[in-house]
Amino acid sequence: MENRFCLIGNSHTQQFDNPNMNILYGYGASICGLYNENSTLKLKEKILDYQEFNPEKTLVFFLGQSDVEFIYYYKSIKKQNKLDITDFLYDLVDKYVEFIKYYIKKPIVLGINPTVTKSNEHIFQVNCRELNTINPNGSNLLNFNYDDVKDYYDSFEKRFDNNLNFNKILKFECEKNNIIYIDLTDEILNDDMSVKEIYQPKHIDHHLIPNYKLYDTLMNKIKEYI
């Protein structure tokens, strides 16, 4: 089964805890990066090259987490103006779906995870103090301290809703454009909409704890399509 698709994403792909998966990995890969002509990651080029040399494979897109959890706040701080989150999400989804419709022959879109990042300062550190120039999310160009910009960040509850709303918009647009959409929310969340304990990081982090159950869930959801 693994040889029939390739998962496209960033460090969140590690949550599936399966070394046999075909993964086209980009550090900090984002939807915004697909349209950034100056991107050092060259994600668009890598995706199209992979598709050209592997035309038989379904491409499973797992992007958007970095955009919603990090780039939204980075752009707000850079512009010194809090962006409207609804406009940001709709614009993000429009660009994502447009890219897939125009370029990708056999796509499946995987929704993002519910956020587990409870520390706004952690988001700031990832966003604005990342010194690795390969990471399109990171920049050391903003000469701010967290206290200078903390009011740009939202509560955990609001950020949690942002991720769910992104998936809701994405699902609607995918269905409207005949693109297969799946997500793992039903596996990750309890009935009360809290993240299951087995996936919650034990320290400050923005990743789910890797677990083979997520891989099994993913396989069950895509096997009817490939």
N, C-alpha and C. Protein backbone atom coordinates (compact mmCIF):
# COMPACT_ATOMS: atom_id res chain seq x y z
N MET A 1 0.83 -1.21 0.00
CA MET A 1 0.00 0.00 0.00
C MET A 1 0.86 1.27 0.00
N GLU A 2 1.97 1.25 0.77
CA GLU A 2 2.80 2.44 0.90
C GLU A 2 3.40 2.89 -0.43
N ASN A 3 3.62 1.94 -1.34
CA ASN A 3 4.26 2.31 -2.61
C ASN A 3 3.29 2.92 -3.61
N ARG A 4 2.04 3.10 -3.22
CA ARG A 4 1.05 3.64 -4.14
C ARG A 4 0.76 5.12 -3.92
N PHE A 5 1.36 5.69 -2.89
CA PHE A 5 1.14 7.12 -2.66
C PHE A 5 2.39 7.75 -2.03
N CYS A 6 2.42 9.06 -2.07
CA CYS A 6 3.49 9.82 -1.42
C CYS A 6 2.84 10.92 -0.58
N LEU A 7 3.25 11.01 0.66
CA LEU A 7 2.74 12.03 1.58
C LEU A 7 3.63 13.26 1.48
N ILE A 8 3.01 14.41 1.26
CA ILE A 8 3.75 15.67 1.11
C ILE A 8 3.50 16.54 2.33
N GLY A 9 4.56 16.89 3.04
CA GLY A 9 4.37 17.70 4.24
C GLY A 9 5.67 18.07 4.91
N ASN A 10 5.54 18.49 6.16
CA ASN A 10 6.69 18.95 6.94
C ASN A 10 6.92 18.00 8.13
N SER A 11 7.41 18.54 9.23
CA SER A 11 7.75 17.69 10.38
C SER A 11 6.55 16.97 10.97
N HIS A 12 5.34 17.42 10.67
CA HIS A 12 4.15 16.74 11.18
C HIS A 12 3.96 15.36 10.53
N THR A 13 4.63 15.10 9.43
CA THR A 13 4.54 13.77 8.82
C THR A 13 5.13 12.70 9.73
N GLN A 14 5.98 13.09 10.67
CA GLN A 14 6.61 12.13 11.57
C GLN A 14 5.61 11.50 12.54
N GLN A 15 4.43 12.08 12.66
CA GLN A 15 3.45 11.58 13.62
C GLN A 15 2.94 10.19 13.26
N PHE A 16 3.13 9.77 12.00
CA PHE A 16 2.60 8.48 11.57
C PHE A 16 3.49 7.31 11.98
N ASP A 17 4.70 7.58 12.38
CA ASP A 17 5.56 6.57 13.01
C ASP A 17 5.70 5.32 12.15
N ASN A 18 5.91 5.56 10.84
CA ASN A 18 6.09 4.43 9.94
C ASN A 18 7.21 4.74 8.96
N PRO A 19 8.35 4.07 9.08
CA PRO A 19 9.50 4.37 8.22
C PRO A 19 9.33 3.94 6.78
N ASN A 20 8.27 3.16 6.49
CA ASN A 20 8.07 2.66 5.14
C ASN A 20 7.28 3.60 4.25
N MET A 21 6.77 4.67 4.81
CA MET A 21 5.98 5.61 4.02
C MET A 21 6.87 6.39 3.06
N ASN A 22 6.35 6.63 1.86
CA ASN A 22 7.01 7.55 0.93
C ASN A 22 6.62 8.97 1.34
N ILE A 23 7.60 9.77 1.71
CA ILE A 23 7.33 11.13 2.17
C ILE A 23 8.19 12.11 1.40
N LEU A 24 7.55 13.11 0.82
CA LEU A 24 8.26 14.24 0.24
C LEU A 24 8.27 15.32 1.30
N TYR A 25 9.41 15.42 1.97
CA TYR A 25 9.50 16.22 3.19
C TYR A 25 10.13 17.58 2.92
N GLY A 26 9.54 18.60 3.51
CA GLY A 26 10.13 19.93 3.46
C GLY A 26 10.09 20.55 4.84
N TYR A 27 11.23 20.97 5.35
CA TYR A 27 11.29 21.54 6.69
C TYR A 27 10.48 22.83 6.73
N GLY A 28 9.41 22.84 7.52
CA GLY A 28 8.54 24.01 7.59
C GLY A 28 7.68 24.21 6.37
N ALA A 29 7.49 23.16 5.56
CA ALA A 29 6.72 23.28 4.31
C ALA A 29 5.33 23.87 4.58
N SER A 30 4.91 24.76 3.69
CA SER A 30 3.66 25.49 3.89
C SER A 30 2.95 25.72 2.57
N ILE A 31 1.69 26.08 2.67
CA ILE A 31 0.94 26.48 1.48
C ILE A 31 1.48 27.78 0.93
N CYS A 32 1.79 28.70 1.81
CA CYS A 32 2.37 29.98 1.37
C CYS A 32 3.64 29.77 0.57
N GLY A 33 4.41 28.75 0.95
CA GLY A 33 5.66 28.48 0.25
C GLY A 33 5.48 28.03 -1.18
N LEU A 34 4.31 27.47 -1.50
CA LEU A 34 4.04 27.03 -2.87
C LEU A 34 4.05 28.20 -3.84
N TYR A 35 3.73 29.39 -3.33
CA TYR A 35 3.63 30.57 -4.18
C TYR A 35 4.75 31.58 -3.94
N ASN A 36 5.72 31.20 -3.15
CA ASN A 36 6.84 32.09 -2.86
C ASN A 36 7.97 31.83 -3.85
N GLU A 37 8.14 32.73 -4.80
CA GLU A 37 9.16 32.54 -5.83
C GLU A 37 10.57 32.56 -5.26
N ASN A 38 10.73 33.15 -4.08
CA ASN A 38 12.05 33.23 -3.45
C ASN A 38 12.27 32.14 -2.41
N SER A 39 11.37 31.17 -2.35
CA SER A 39 11.48 30.12 -1.36
C SER A 39 12.76 29.31 -1.55
N THR A 40 13.52 29.17 -0.47
CA THR A 40 14.72 28.35 -0.53
C THR A 40 14.38 26.87 -0.51
N LEU A 41 13.18 26.55 -0.06
CA LEU A 41 12.76 25.15 0.01
C LEU A 41 12.43 24.57 -1.37
N LYS A 42 11.95 25.43 -2.28
CA LYS A 42 11.58 25.01 -3.64
C LYS A 42 10.57 23.86 -3.62
N LEU A 43 9.57 23.99 -2.75
CA LEU A 43 8.59 22.91 -2.58
C LEU A 43 7.82 22.64 -3.86
N LYS A 44 7.38 23.69 -4.52
CA LYS A 44 6.61 23.52 -5.76
C LYS A 44 7.41 22.70 -6.78
N GLU A 45 8.67 23.07 -6.97
CA GLU A 45 9.51 22.38 -7.94
C GLU A 45 9.71 20.91 -7.56
N LYS A 46 9.89 20.65 -6.26
CA LYS A 46 10.09 19.28 -5.80
C LYS A 46 8.84 18.43 -6.03
N ILE A 47 7.68 19.02 -5.78
CA ILE A 47 6.43 18.28 -5.99
C ILE A 47 6.24 17.94 -7.46
N LEU A 48 6.45 18.92 -8.33
CA LEU A 48 6.23 18.69 -9.76
C LEU A 48 7.26 17.72 -10.32
N ASP A 49 8.48 17.80 -9.85
CA ASP A 49 9.50 16.83 -10.29
C ASP A 49 9.14 15.42 -9.84
N TYR A 50 8.69 15.30 -8.60
CA TYR A 50 8.31 13.97 -8.09
C TYR A 50 7.16 13.40 -8.90
N GLN A 51 6.17 14.23 -9.18
CA GLN A 51 5.02 13.77 -9.95
C GLN A 51 5.44 13.32 -11.35
N GLU A 52 6.34 14.06 -11.95
CA GLU A 52 6.79 13.73 -13.30
C GLU A 52 7.45 12.35 -13.36
N PHE A 53 8.25 12.04 -12.35
CA PHE A 53 9.00 10.79 -12.35
C PHE A 53 8.25 9.64 -11.65
N ASN A 54 7.12 9.96 -11.03
CA ASN A 54 6.30 8.94 -10.36
C ASN A 54 4.82 9.15 -10.71
N PRO A 55 4.49 9.10 -12.00
CA PRO A 55 3.11 9.43 -12.42
C PRO A 55 2.05 8.47 -11.90
N GLU A 56 2.47 7.29 -11.46
CA GLU A 56 1.50 6.30 -10.98
C GLU A 56 1.07 6.55 -9.54
N LYS A 57 1.79 7.39 -8.82
CA LYS A 57 1.53 7.59 -7.40
C LYS A 57 0.47 8.67 -7.15
N THR A 58 -0.36 8.42 -6.15
CA THR A 58 -1.26 9.45 -5.63
C THR A 58 -0.48 10.34 -4.69
N LEU A 59 -0.66 11.64 -4.79
CA LEU A 59 0.02 12.59 -3.92
C LEU A 59 -0.94 13.03 -2.82
N VAL A 60 -0.58 12.73 -1.58
CA VAL A 60 -1.41 13.08 -0.43
C VAL A 60 -0.83 14.33 0.20
N PHE A 61 -1.56 15.43 0.11
CA PHE A 61 -1.07 16.73 0.59
C PHE A 61 -1.44 16.93 2.06
N PHE A 62 -0.42 17.18 2.86
CA PHE A 62 -0.61 17.40 4.30
C PHE A 62 0.05 18.74 4.66
N LEU A 63 -0.55 19.82 4.16
CA LEU A 63 -0.02 21.16 4.35
C LEU A 63 -1.07 22.05 5.01
N GLY A 64 -0.61 23.13 5.61
CA GLY A 64 -1.52 24.11 6.21
C GLY A 64 -1.27 24.35 7.69
N GLN A 65 -0.69 23.36 8.37
CA GLN A 65 -0.45 23.51 9.80
C GLN A 65 0.48 24.69 10.10
N SER A 66 1.57 24.78 9.35
CA SER A 66 2.51 25.88 9.55
C SER A 66 1.87 27.23 9.25
N ASP A 67 1.04 27.25 8.21
CA ASP A 67 0.40 28.50 7.80
C ASP A 67 -0.53 29.04 8.88
N VAL A 68 -1.38 28.16 9.42
CA VAL A 68 -2.40 28.59 10.37
C VAL A 68 -1.80 28.85 11.75
N GLU A 69 -0.88 28.01 12.18
CA GLU A 69 -0.35 28.13 13.54
C GLU A 69 0.81 29.12 13.66
N PHE A 70 1.53 29.36 12.55
CA PHE A 70 2.72 30.18 12.65
C PHE A 70 2.74 31.36 11.67
N ILE A 71 2.55 31.08 10.39
CA ILE A 71 2.73 32.13 9.39
C ILE A 71 1.69 33.23 9.55
N TYR A 72 0.48 32.89 9.96
CA TYR A 72 -0.55 33.91 10.19
C TYR A 72 -0.06 34.97 11.19
N TYR A 73 0.53 34.51 12.28
CA TYR A 73 1.00 35.45 13.30
C TYR A 73 2.27 36.17 12.85
N TYR A 74 3.12 35.47 12.13
CA TYR A 74 4.33 36.09 11.61
C TYR A 74 3.98 37.25 10.67
N LYS A 75 3.02 37.01 9.77
CA LYS A 75 2.64 38.06 8.83
C LYS A 75 1.96 39.23 9.54
N SER A 76 1.17 38.92 10.55
CA SER A 76 0.52 40.00 11.31
C SER A 76 1.56 40.88 11.98
N ILE A 77 2.56 40.26 12.60
CA ILE A 77 3.60 41.02 13.27
C ILE A 77 4.42 41.82 12.26
N LYS A 78 4.75 41.19 11.15
CA LYS A 78 5.56 41.86 10.15
C LYS A 78 4.84 43.09 9.59
N LYS A 79 3.52 42.96 9.41
CA LYS A 79 2.74 44.09 8.89
C LYS A 79 2.35 45.08 9.99
N GLN A 80 2.60 44.66 11.25
CA GLN A 80 2.20 45.46 12.41
C GLN A 80 0.70 45.74 12.38
N ASN A 81 -0.02 44.72 11.97
CA ASN A 81 -1.48 44.81 11.89
C ASN A 81 -2.05 43.40 11.97
N LYS A 82 -2.94 43.17 12.91
CA LYS A 82 -3.52 41.83 13.07
C LYS A 82 -4.41 41.51 11.88
N LEU A 83 -4.02 40.51 11.11
CA LEU A 83 -4.78 40.13 9.93
C LEU A 83 -6.11 39.50 10.35
N ASP A 84 -7.11 39.67 9.52
CA ASP A 84 -8.40 39.03 9.77
C ASP A 84 -8.24 37.54 9.50
N ILE A 85 -8.47 36.71 10.50
CA ILE A 85 -8.20 35.29 10.39
C ILE A 85 -9.13 34.62 9.37
N THR A 86 -10.37 35.06 9.28
CA THR A 86 -11.30 34.46 8.32
C THR A 86 -10.83 34.71 6.90
N ASP A 87 -10.45 35.95 6.61
CA ASP A 87 -9.93 36.28 5.27
C ASP A 87 -8.67 35.48 4.98
N PHE A 88 -7.80 35.35 5.99
CA PHE A 88 -6.55 34.61 5.82
C PHE A 88 -6.83 33.16 5.47
N LEU A 89 -7.75 32.52 6.18
CA LEU A 89 -8.05 31.11 5.95
C LEU A 89 -8.66 30.89 4.57
N TYR A 90 -9.61 31.74 4.18
CA TYR A 90 -10.23 31.57 2.87
C TYR A 90 -9.22 31.79 1.75
N ASP A 91 -8.36 32.78 1.89
CA ASP A 91 -7.34 33.04 0.88
C ASP A 91 -6.36 31.88 0.79
N LEU A 92 -6.00 31.35 1.95
CA LEU A 92 -5.07 30.22 2.01
C LEU A 92 -5.65 29.00 1.30
N VAL A 93 -6.89 28.69 1.61
CA VAL A 93 -7.54 27.53 0.98
C VAL A 93 -7.70 27.74 -0.52
N ASP A 94 -8.06 28.95 -0.93
CA ASP A 94 -8.21 29.23 -2.36
C ASP A 94 -6.91 28.95 -3.11
N LYS A 95 -5.79 29.39 -2.54
CA LYS A 95 -4.50 29.18 -3.20
C LYS A 95 -4.12 27.70 -3.22
N TYR A 96 -4.41 27.02 -2.14
CA TYR A 96 -4.11 25.60 -2.01
C TYR A 96 -4.87 24.79 -3.06
N VAL A 97 -6.16 25.00 -3.13
CA VAL A 97 -7.01 24.27 -4.07
C VAL A 97 -6.66 24.63 -5.51
N GLU A 98 -6.36 25.90 -5.74
CA GLU A 98 -5.97 26.33 -7.08
C GLU A 98 -4.70 25.61 -7.54
N PHE A 99 -3.73 25.51 -6.65
CA PHE A 99 -2.49 24.82 -6.99
C PHE A 99 -2.76 23.36 -7.33
N ILE A 100 -3.54 22.70 -6.51
CA ILE A 100 -3.81 21.28 -6.72
C ILE A 100 -4.59 21.06 -8.01
N LYS A 101 -5.60 21.88 -8.25
CA LYS A 101 -6.40 21.74 -9.47
C LYS A 101 -5.54 21.93 -10.73
N TYR A 102 -4.64 22.87 -10.67
CA TYR A 102 -3.88 23.24 -11.87
C TYR A 102 -2.73 22.27 -12.14
N TYR A 103 -2.09 21.79 -11.06
CA TYR A 103 -0.84 21.04 -11.25
C TYR A 103 -0.91 19.54 -10.97
N ILE A 104 -1.81 19.11 -10.10
CA ILE A 104 -1.71 17.74 -9.57
C ILE A 104 -2.72 16.81 -10.24
N LYS A 105 -2.22 15.66 -10.70
CA LYS A 105 -3.05 14.74 -11.46
C LYS A 105 -3.85 13.78 -10.59
N LYS A 106 -3.25 13.31 -9.49
CA LYS A 106 -3.91 12.33 -8.62
C LYS A 106 -3.76 12.77 -7.17
N PRO A 107 -4.55 13.74 -6.73
CA PRO A 107 -4.39 14.29 -5.38
C PRO A 107 -5.37 13.72 -4.36
N ILE A 108 -4.92 13.68 -3.12
CA ILE A 108 -5.78 13.55 -1.95
C ILE A 108 -5.31 14.64 -0.98
N VAL A 109 -6.25 15.32 -0.35
CA VAL A 109 -5.90 16.37 0.61
C VAL A 109 -6.24 15.90 2.02
N LEU A 110 -5.24 15.97 2.89
CA LEU A 110 -5.39 15.59 4.29
C LEU A 110 -5.48 16.86 5.13
N GLY A 111 -6.54 16.99 5.91
CA GLY A 111 -6.70 18.15 6.77
C GLY A 111 -5.62 18.21 7.85
N ILE A 112 -5.47 19.37 8.46
CA ILE A 112 -4.44 19.56 9.48
C ILE A 112 -4.92 19.03 10.83
N ASN A 113 -3.99 18.91 11.76
CA ASN A 113 -4.30 18.45 13.11
C ASN A 113 -4.93 19.56 13.94
N PRO A 114 -5.70 19.21 14.94
CA PRO A 114 -6.04 20.20 15.98
C PRO A 114 -4.75 20.65 16.66
N THR A 115 -4.69 21.90 17.04
CA THR A 115 -3.47 22.39 17.67
C THR A 115 -3.28 21.80 19.06
N VAL A 116 -2.03 21.56 19.42
CA VAL A 116 -1.69 21.14 20.79
C VAL A 116 -0.74 22.13 21.44
N THR A 117 -0.50 23.25 20.76
CA THR A 117 0.44 24.25 21.24
C THR A 117 -0.26 25.21 22.18
N LYS A 118 0.00 25.10 23.46
CA LYS A 118 -0.67 25.97 24.43
C LYS A 118 0.14 27.21 24.77
N SER A 119 1.39 27.23 24.37
CA SER A 119 2.27 28.35 24.69
C SER A 119 2.40 29.29 23.50
N ASN A 120 1.89 30.51 23.64
CA ASN A 120 2.08 31.50 22.59
C ASN A 120 3.55 31.88 22.44
N GLU A 121 4.27 31.86 23.52
CA GLU A 121 5.69 32.20 23.43
C GLU A 121 6.44 31.16 22.60
N HIS A 122 6.00 29.92 22.66
CA HIS A 122 6.60 28.89 21.81
C HIS A 122 6.37 29.21 20.34
N ILE A 123 5.17 29.63 20.00
CA ILE A 123 4.87 30.01 18.61
C ILE A 123 5.79 31.15 18.19
N PHE A 124 5.96 32.13 19.06
CA PHE A 124 6.83 33.25 18.76
C PHE A 124 8.27 32.79 18.53
N GLN A 125 8.75 31.90 19.38
CA GLN A 125 10.13 31.43 19.25
C GLN A 125 10.33 30.68 17.94
N VAL A 126 9.36 29.86 17.56
CA VAL A 126 9.47 29.14 16.30
C VAL A 126 9.41 30.11 15.13
N ASN A 127 8.54 31.09 15.22
CA ASN A 127 8.33 32.04 14.14
C ASN A 127 9.50 32.98 13.93
N CYS A 128 9.90 33.64 14.98
CA CYS A 128 10.73 34.82 14.85
C CYS A 128 12.16 34.66 15.36
N ARG A 129 12.47 33.52 15.94
CA ARG A 129 13.83 33.31 16.43
C ARG A 129 14.48 32.09 15.79
N GLU A 130 13.88 31.59 14.71
CA GLU A 130 14.46 30.45 14.02
C GLU A 130 15.62 30.93 13.16
N LEU A 131 16.82 30.44 13.45
CA LEU A 131 18.00 30.91 12.75
C LEU A 131 18.33 30.08 11.51
N ASN A 132 17.64 28.97 11.32
CA ASN A 132 17.89 28.12 10.17
C ASN A 132 17.23 28.76 8.95
N THR A 133 18.03 29.26 8.05
CA THR A 133 17.49 30.00 6.91
C THR A 133 16.75 29.11 5.92
N ILE A 134 16.85 27.79 6.08
CA ILE A 134 16.11 26.90 5.19
C ILE A 134 14.63 26.94 5.51
N ASN A 135 14.29 27.28 6.77
CA ASN A 135 12.90 27.24 7.23
C ASN A 135 12.16 28.48 6.74
N PRO A 136 11.18 28.33 5.84
CA PRO A 136 10.46 29.51 5.34
C PRO A 136 9.58 30.16 6.39
N ASN A 137 9.28 29.46 7.51
CA ASN A 137 8.48 30.06 8.57
C ASN A 137 9.32 30.97 9.44
N GLY A 138 10.59 30.67 9.54
CA GLY A 138 11.43 31.33 10.54
C GLY A 138 12.12 32.56 10.00
N SER A 139 12.40 33.47 10.87
CA SER A 139 13.15 34.65 10.49
C SER A 139 13.77 35.26 11.72
N ASN A 140 15.01 35.66 11.62
CA ASN A 140 15.63 36.42 12.70
C ASN A 140 15.68 37.90 12.34
N LEU A 141 14.87 38.30 11.35
CA LEU A 141 14.88 39.69 10.89
C LEU A 141 14.00 40.58 11.74
N LEU A 142 13.06 39.99 12.47
CA LEU A 142 12.18 40.80 13.31
C LEU A 142 12.85 41.02 14.65
N ASN A 143 13.23 42.24 14.90
CA ASN A 143 13.98 42.55 16.11
C ASN A 143 13.03 42.86 17.25
N PHE A 144 12.26 41.84 17.66
CA PHE A 144 11.29 42.00 18.71
C PHE A 144 11.54 40.99 19.81
N ASN A 145 11.05 41.31 20.99
CA ASN A 145 10.93 40.34 22.06
C ASN A 145 9.47 39.91 22.15
N TYR A 146 9.23 38.79 22.80
CA TYR A 146 7.87 38.28 22.89
C TYR A 146 6.93 39.30 23.53
N ASP A 147 7.37 39.95 24.58
CA ASP A 147 6.51 40.92 25.26
C ASP A 147 6.09 42.06 24.35
N ASP A 148 6.90 42.35 23.33
CA ASP A 148 6.57 43.43 22.41
C ASP A 148 5.39 43.09 21.51
N VAL A 149 5.17 41.80 21.27
CA VAL A 149 4.19 41.40 20.26
C VAL A 149 3.16 40.40 20.78
N LYS A 150 3.16 40.16 22.08
CA LYS A 150 2.29 39.10 22.62
C LYS A 150 0.81 39.34 22.36
N ASP A 151 0.42 40.60 22.18
CA ASP A 151 -1.00 40.89 21.96
C ASP A 151 -1.48 40.47 20.57
N TYR A 152 -0.56 40.13 19.69
CA TYR A 152 -0.95 39.63 18.37
C TYR A 152 -1.47 38.20 18.44
N TYR A 153 -1.10 37.49 19.48
CA TYR A 153 -1.42 36.06 19.58
C TYR A 153 -2.78 35.86 20.25
N ASP A 154 -3.43 34.78 19.86
CA ASP A 154 -4.76 34.47 20.36
C ASP A 154 -4.70 33.43 21.48
N SER A 155 -5.81 33.27 22.16
CA SER A 155 -5.91 32.24 23.19
C SER A 155 -5.80 30.86 22.56
N PHE A 156 -5.50 29.88 23.37
CA PHE A 156 -5.44 28.50 22.88
C PHE A 156 -6.79 28.10 22.26
N GLU A 157 -7.88 28.48 22.90
CA GLU A 157 -9.21 28.12 22.40
C GLU A 157 -9.46 28.70 21.01
N LYS A 158 -9.05 29.95 20.82
CA LYS A 158 -9.22 30.59 19.52
C LYS A 158 -8.34 29.92 18.47
N ARG A 159 -7.11 29.61 18.83
CA ARG A 159 -6.21 28.96 17.89
C ARG A 159 -6.70 27.55 17.55
N PHE A 160 -7.27 26.88 18.53
CA PHE A 160 -7.85 25.55 18.30
C PHE A 160 -8.96 25.65 17.27
N ASP A 161 -9.83 26.64 17.42
CA ASP A 161 -10.92 26.84 16.47
C ASP A 161 -10.40 27.19 15.08
N ASN A 162 -9.31 27.94 15.02
CA ASN A 162 -8.73 28.31 13.71
C ASN A 162 -8.39 27.07 12.89
N ASN A 163 -7.78 26.09 13.55
CA ASN A 163 -7.41 24.87 12.83
C ASN A 163 -8.65 24.12 12.35
N LEU A 164 -9.66 24.01 13.20
CA LEU A 164 -10.89 23.33 12.80
C LEU A 164 -11.60 24.07 11.68
N ASN A 165 -11.59 25.39 11.74
CA ASN A 165 -12.23 26.18 10.69
C ASN A 165 -11.50 26.05 9.37
N PHE A 166 -10.18 25.99 9.43
CA PHE A 166 -9.41 25.76 8.20
C PHE A 166 -9.85 24.46 7.55
N ASN A 167 -9.95 23.41 8.33
CA ASN A 167 -10.37 22.11 7.77
C ASN A 167 -11.78 22.17 7.21
N LYS A 168 -12.65 22.88 7.88
CA LYS A 168 -14.04 23.00 7.41
C LYS A 168 -14.09 23.69 6.05
N ILE A 169 -13.35 24.78 5.91
CA ILE A 169 -13.31 25.50 4.64
C ILE A 169 -12.65 24.64 3.56
N LEU A 170 -11.56 23.98 3.94
CA LEU A 170 -10.83 23.15 2.99
C LEU A 170 -11.70 22.00 2.49
N LYS A 171 -12.39 21.36 3.38
CA LYS A 171 -13.26 20.24 2.99
C LYS A 171 -14.34 20.70 2.00
N PHE A 172 -14.95 21.83 2.30
CA PHE A 172 -15.99 22.36 1.43
C PHE A 172 -15.44 22.64 0.03
N GLU A 173 -14.28 23.29 -0.05
CA GLU A 173 -13.72 23.65 -1.35
C GLU A 173 -13.23 22.42 -2.11
N CYS A 174 -12.69 21.45 -1.39
CA CYS A 174 -12.27 20.22 -2.06
C CYS A 174 -13.47 19.48 -2.66
N GLU A 175 -14.52 19.36 -1.89
CA GLU A 175 -15.72 18.67 -2.39
C GLU A 175 -16.32 19.42 -3.57
N LYS A 176 -16.29 20.74 -3.51
CA LYS A 176 -16.83 21.54 -4.61
C LYS A 176 -16.03 21.34 -5.90
N ASN A 177 -14.74 21.06 -5.74
CA ASN A 177 -13.85 20.92 -6.89
C ASN A 177 -13.48 19.46 -7.18
N ASN A 178 -14.25 18.53 -6.61
CA ASN A 178 -14.05 17.09 -6.87
C ASN A 178 -12.64 16.62 -6.50
N ILE A 179 -12.12 17.14 -5.40
CA ILE A 179 -10.83 16.71 -4.86
C ILE A 179 -11.11 15.91 -3.60
N ILE A 180 -10.49 14.75 -3.48
CA ILE A 180 -10.70 13.89 -2.32
C ILE A 180 -10.14 14.57 -1.07
N TYR A 181 -10.96 14.67 -0.03
CA TYR A 181 -10.55 15.26 1.25
C TYR A 181 -10.74 14.23 2.36
N ILE A 182 -9.74 14.12 3.22
CA ILE A 182 -9.85 13.29 4.42
C ILE A 182 -9.22 14.05 5.57
N ASP A 183 -9.56 13.68 6.79
CA ASP A 183 -8.82 14.21 7.94
C ASP A 183 -8.83 13.17 9.06
N LEU A 184 -8.05 13.45 10.09
CA LEU A 184 -7.84 12.50 11.18
C LEU A 184 -8.47 12.98 12.49
N THR A 185 -9.33 13.98 12.39
CA THR A 185 -9.89 14.59 13.59
C THR A 185 -10.61 13.58 14.47
N ASP A 186 -11.35 12.67 13.86
CA ASP A 186 -12.12 11.71 14.65
C ASP A 186 -11.22 10.77 15.43
N GLU A 187 -9.99 10.56 14.96
CA GLU A 187 -9.04 9.72 15.69
C GLU A 187 -8.31 10.51 16.77
N ILE A 188 -8.04 11.78 16.51
CA ILE A 188 -7.21 12.59 17.40
C ILE A 188 -7.99 13.14 18.59
N LEU A 189 -9.27 13.45 18.39
CA LEU A 189 -10.06 14.12 19.43
C LEU A 189 -10.96 13.16 20.20
N ASN A 190 -11.14 13.48 21.47
CA ASN A 190 -12.16 12.83 22.29
C ASN A 190 -13.53 13.38 21.94
N ASP A 191 -14.56 12.80 22.51
CA ASP A 191 -15.92 13.28 22.26
C ASP A 191 -16.13 14.71 22.74
N ASP A 192 -15.36 15.13 23.75
CA ASP A 192 -15.50 16.49 24.26
C ASP A 192 -14.61 17.49 23.51
N MET A 193 -14.05 17.06 22.38
CA MET A 193 -13.23 17.89 21.51
C MET A 193 -11.84 18.20 22.08
N SER A 194 -11.43 17.50 23.10
CA SER A 194 -10.05 17.62 23.59
C SER A 194 -9.18 16.60 22.87
N VAL A 195 -7.89 16.91 22.75
CA VAL A 195 -6.97 15.99 22.10
C VAL A 195 -6.70 14.80 23.02
N LYS A 196 -6.77 13.60 22.47
CA LYS A 196 -6.54 12.40 23.26
C LYS A 196 -5.15 12.44 23.90
N GLU A 197 -5.08 11.93 25.10
CA GLU A 197 -3.84 12.02 25.88
C GLU A 197 -2.66 11.34 25.18
N ILE A 198 -2.92 10.27 24.43
CA ILE A 198 -1.82 9.56 23.78
C ILE A 198 -1.13 10.40 22.72
N TYR A 199 -1.79 11.47 22.28
CA TYR A 199 -1.21 12.33 21.24
C TYR A 199 -0.69 13.66 21.79
N GLN A 200 -0.96 13.96 23.04
CA GLN A 200 -0.54 15.24 23.60
C GLN A 200 0.94 15.21 23.98
N PRO A 201 1.72 16.17 23.52
CA PRO A 201 3.14 16.20 23.86
C PRO A 201 3.34 16.38 25.36
N LYS A 202 4.39 15.78 25.89
CA LYS A 202 4.68 15.85 27.32
C LYS A 202 5.45 17.11 27.69
N HIS A 203 5.90 17.82 26.68
CA HIS A 203 6.61 19.08 26.91
C HIS A 203 6.06 20.10 25.91
N ILE A 204 6.52 21.32 25.96
CA ILE A 204 6.02 22.35 25.07
C ILE A 204 6.44 22.03 23.64
N ASP A 205 5.47 21.80 22.79
CA ASP A 205 5.75 21.42 21.40
C ASP A 205 4.48 21.66 20.59
N HIS A 206 4.63 21.65 19.26
CA HIS A 206 3.47 21.82 18.39
C HIS A 206 3.20 20.57 17.56
N HIS A 207 3.81 19.45 17.92
CA HIS A 207 3.60 18.19 17.21
C HIS A 207 2.83 17.20 18.08
N LEU A 208 2.04 16.37 17.44
CA LEU A 208 1.44 15.24 18.14
C LEU A 208 2.53 14.21 18.45
N ILE A 209 2.32 13.43 19.49
CA ILE A 209 3.22 12.32 19.77
C ILE A 209 3.05 11.27 18.67
N PRO A 210 4.13 10.85 18.02
CA PRO A 210 4.01 9.84 16.98
C PRO A 210 3.34 8.56 17.50
N ASN A 211 2.46 8.02 16.68
CA ASN A 211 1.74 6.83 17.09
C ASN A 211 1.28 6.08 15.84
N TYR A 212 1.49 4.77 15.83
CA TYR A 212 1.14 3.96 14.67
C TYR A 212 -0.36 3.97 14.39
N LYS A 213 -1.16 4.28 15.41
CA LYS A 213 -2.61 4.33 15.20
C LYS A 213 -2.99 5.40 14.18
N LEU A 214 -2.22 6.49 14.14
CA LEU A 214 -2.49 7.53 13.16
C LEU A 214 -2.23 7.02 11.75
N TYR A 215 -1.20 6.21 11.62
CA TYR A 215 -0.91 5.60 10.32
C TYR A 215 -2.05 4.66 9.91
N ASP A 216 -2.50 3.83 10.82
CA ASP A 216 -3.60 2.91 10.52
C ASP A 216 -4.85 3.68 10.09
N THR A 217 -5.14 4.77 10.80
CA THR A 217 -6.30 5.59 10.47
C THR A 217 -6.16 6.18 9.08
N LEU A 218 -4.97 6.70 8.78
CA LEU A 218 -4.72 7.26 7.46
C LEU A 218 -4.93 6.21 6.38
N MET A 219 -4.38 5.02 6.59
CA MET A 219 -4.52 3.96 5.60
C MET A 219 -5.98 3.59 5.37
N ASN A 220 -6.74 3.49 6.45
CA ASN A 220 -8.15 3.13 6.33
C ASN A 220 -8.94 4.18 5.56
N LYS A 221 -8.52 5.42 5.68
CA LYS A 221 -9.26 6.50 5.01
C LYS A 221 -8.93 6.62 3.53
N ILE A 222 -7.70 6.28 3.15
CA ILE A 222 -7.33 6.48 1.75
C ILE A 222 -7.41 5.20 0.92
N LYS A 223 -7.52 4.05 1.56
CA LYS A 223 -7.46 2.79 0.79
C LYS A 223 -8.61 2.64 -0.19
N GLU A 224 -9.72 3.29 0.04
CA GLU A 224 -10.84 3.18 -0.89
C GLU A 224 -10.64 4.05 -2.13
N TYR A 225 -9.62 4.91 -2.08
CA TYR A 225 -9.40 5.83 -3.21
C TYR A 225 -8.21 5.45 -4.06
N ILE A 226 -7.31 4.60 -3.56
CA ILE A 226 -6.10 4.29 -4.34
C ILE A 226 -5.92 2.78 -4.48
